[in-house]
Amino acid sequence: MPLRIVNRTSGILVADRAEIANTNTKRIRGLLERSYIRAREGLWIVPCSSVHTVGMKFPIDVLFIDHTGQVVLIATLKPGCKHLSHERAYSVLELAPGEAAARGIELGDVLAFQRR
């Protein structure tokens, strides 16, 4: 079931078609089999504190999120990035490149994950 993700701090919609990767298989597969990700789509990987883009075909924005939903790190990763992690991260939201800036997401913002 897709998720709707809203930035509770600003009230702005972050994604209205986000998938959940909450099993080992889904977390390992991630976005590897896709050739792109659209604006307002996302992949919420939970639990997760570390990602890579080895084998990816496109860059992604990555939001590291703590247990409270607070964004603790924002990065754009190009294909082939071996590893990025954050010690406070409980989950990671992967978005199309440029989406974090386009949606005005900043460090400290709190995201809400809602089932559609």
Protein backbone atom coordinates (compact mmCIF):
# COMPACT_ATOMS: atom_id res chain seq x y z
CA MET A 1 0.00 0.00 0.00
CA PRO A 2 1.51 3.36 -1.00
CA LEU A 3 2.28 6.05 1.53
CA ARG A 4 1.64 9.75 1.56
CA ILE A 5 4.48 11.66 3.21
CA VAL A 6 3.95 15.17 4.53
CA ASN A 7 6.47 17.57 6.03
CA ARG A 8 4.72 18.36 9.34
CA THR A 9 7.04 21.31 9.92
CA SER A 10 6.04 23.15 6.73
CA GLY A 11 2.82 21.36 5.76
CA ILE A 12 4.20 20.62 2.29
CA LEU A 13 3.52 17.30 0.56
CA VAL A 14 6.80 15.41 0.09
CA ALA A 15 5.49 12.30 -1.70
CA ASP A 16 2.07 10.94 -2.54
CA ARG A 17 3.28 7.64 -4.01
CA ALA A 18 5.91 6.23 -1.66
CA GLU A 19 6.58 2.54 -1.27
CA ILE A 20 7.71 0.86 1.95
CA ALA A 21 10.80 -1.36 2.01
CA ASN A 22 10.35 -3.08 5.35
CA THR A 23 11.58 -6.62 4.66
CA ASN A 24 15.12 -7.82 4.03
CA THR A 25 14.34 -8.55 0.39
CA LYS A 26 12.73 -5.16 -0.23
CA ARG A 27 15.52 -3.30 1.60
CA ILE A 28 18.24 -5.09 -0.38
CA ARG A 29 16.45 -4.57 -3.72
CA GLY A 30 15.55 -0.93 -3.03
CA LEU A 31 15.50 1.04 -6.28
CA LEU A 32 18.12 -1.13 -8.01
CA GLU A 33 15.71 -2.61 -10.53
CA ARG A 34 14.29 0.75 -11.57
CA SER A 35 15.65 3.07 -14.24
CA TYR A 36 14.20 6.26 -12.69
CA ILE A 37 12.03 7.66 -9.91
CA ARG A 38 9.43 10.35 -10.53
CA ALA A 39 8.76 13.54 -8.61
CA ARG A 40 6.55 12.91 -5.56
CA GLU A 41 7.47 9.21 -5.55
CA GLY A 42 9.67 7.72 -2.87
CA LEU A 43 10.99 4.63 -1.19
CA TRP A 44 10.89 4.57 2.61
CA ILE A 45 13.43 2.04 3.88
CA VAL A 46 12.71 1.04 7.47
CA PRO A 47 14.65 0.22 9.55
CA CYS A 48 17.74 1.63 7.86
CA SER A 49 20.73 3.76 8.83
CA SER A 50 23.00 3.17 5.83
CA VAL A 51 22.58 3.23 2.03
CA HIS A 52 24.62 2.89 -1.16
CA THR A 53 23.96 3.49 -4.85
CA VAL A 54 26.23 0.81 -6.28
CA GLY A 55 24.39 -0.63 -9.30
CA MET A 56 21.91 2.26 -9.48
CA LYS A 57 21.11 3.85 -12.84
CA PHE A 58 20.27 7.35 -11.58
CA PRO A 59 21.05 9.77 -8.72
CA ILE A 60 18.73 10.06 -5.71
CA ASP A 61 18.05 12.41 -2.83
CA VAL A 62 18.40 10.61 0.48
CA LEU A 63 16.81 11.75 3.74
CA PHE A 64 18.02 10.06 6.93
CA ILE A 65 15.24 10.16 9.54
CA ASP A 66 15.34 9.44 13.28
CA HIS A 67 12.72 7.60 15.41
CA THR A 68 10.64 10.76 15.81
CA GLY A 69 10.42 11.44 12.06
CA GLN A 70 12.99 14.24 12.21
CA VAL A 71 15.31 14.67 9.21
CA VAL A 72 18.90 14.33 10.48
CA LEU A 73 20.80 14.25 7.16
CA ILE A 74 20.02 15.23 3.56
CA ALA A 75 22.24 14.15 0.67
CA THR A 76 22.16 13.65 -3.08
CA LEU A 77 23.94 10.47 -4.12
CA LYS A 78 25.16 9.70 -7.61
CA PRO A 79 25.23 6.14 -8.92
CA GLY A 80 28.20 4.20 -7.57
CA CYS A 81 28.35 5.78 -4.09
CA LYS A 82 29.66 3.00 -1.90
CA HIS A 83 28.25 3.98 1.47
CA LEU A 84 26.55 6.75 3.43
CA SER A 85 25.21 6.38 6.95
CA HIS A 86 24.06 8.34 9.98
CA GLU A 87 24.24 7.06 13.55
CA ARG A 88 20.89 8.61 14.56
CA ALA A 89 18.97 7.35 11.55
CA TYR A 90 16.11 4.91 12.04
CA SER A 91 14.94 5.04 8.44
CA VAL A 92 15.80 6.49 5.05
CA LEU A 93 13.57 8.12 2.46
CA GLU A 94 14.85 7.98 -1.12
CA LEU A 95 13.46 10.55 -3.55
CA ALA A 96 14.11 11.74 -7.10
CA PRO A 97 17.18 13.98 -7.37
CA GLY A 98 16.38 17.59 -6.47
CA GLU A 99 13.14 16.73 -4.67
CA ALA A 100 14.44 17.61 -1.20
CA ALA A 101 15.23 21.15 -2.34
CA ALA A 102 12.08 21.42 -4.49
CA ARG A 103 9.93 20.48 -1.48
CA GLY A 104 11.87 22.80 0.85
CA ILE A 105 12.98 20.00 3.18
CA GLU A 106 15.52 21.13 5.77
CA LEU A 107 17.45 19.49 8.59
CA GLY A 108 15.22 19.27 11.65
CA ASP A 109 11.96 19.05 9.70
CA VAL A 110 9.59 16.33 10.93
CA LEU A 111 7.96 14.04 8.38
CA ALA A 112 4.67 12.19 8.79
CA PHE A 113 4.11 8.86 7.03
CA GLN A 114 0.43 8.18 6.27
CA ARG A 115 -1.13 5.13 4.65
CA ARG A 116 -3.22 6.08 1.63
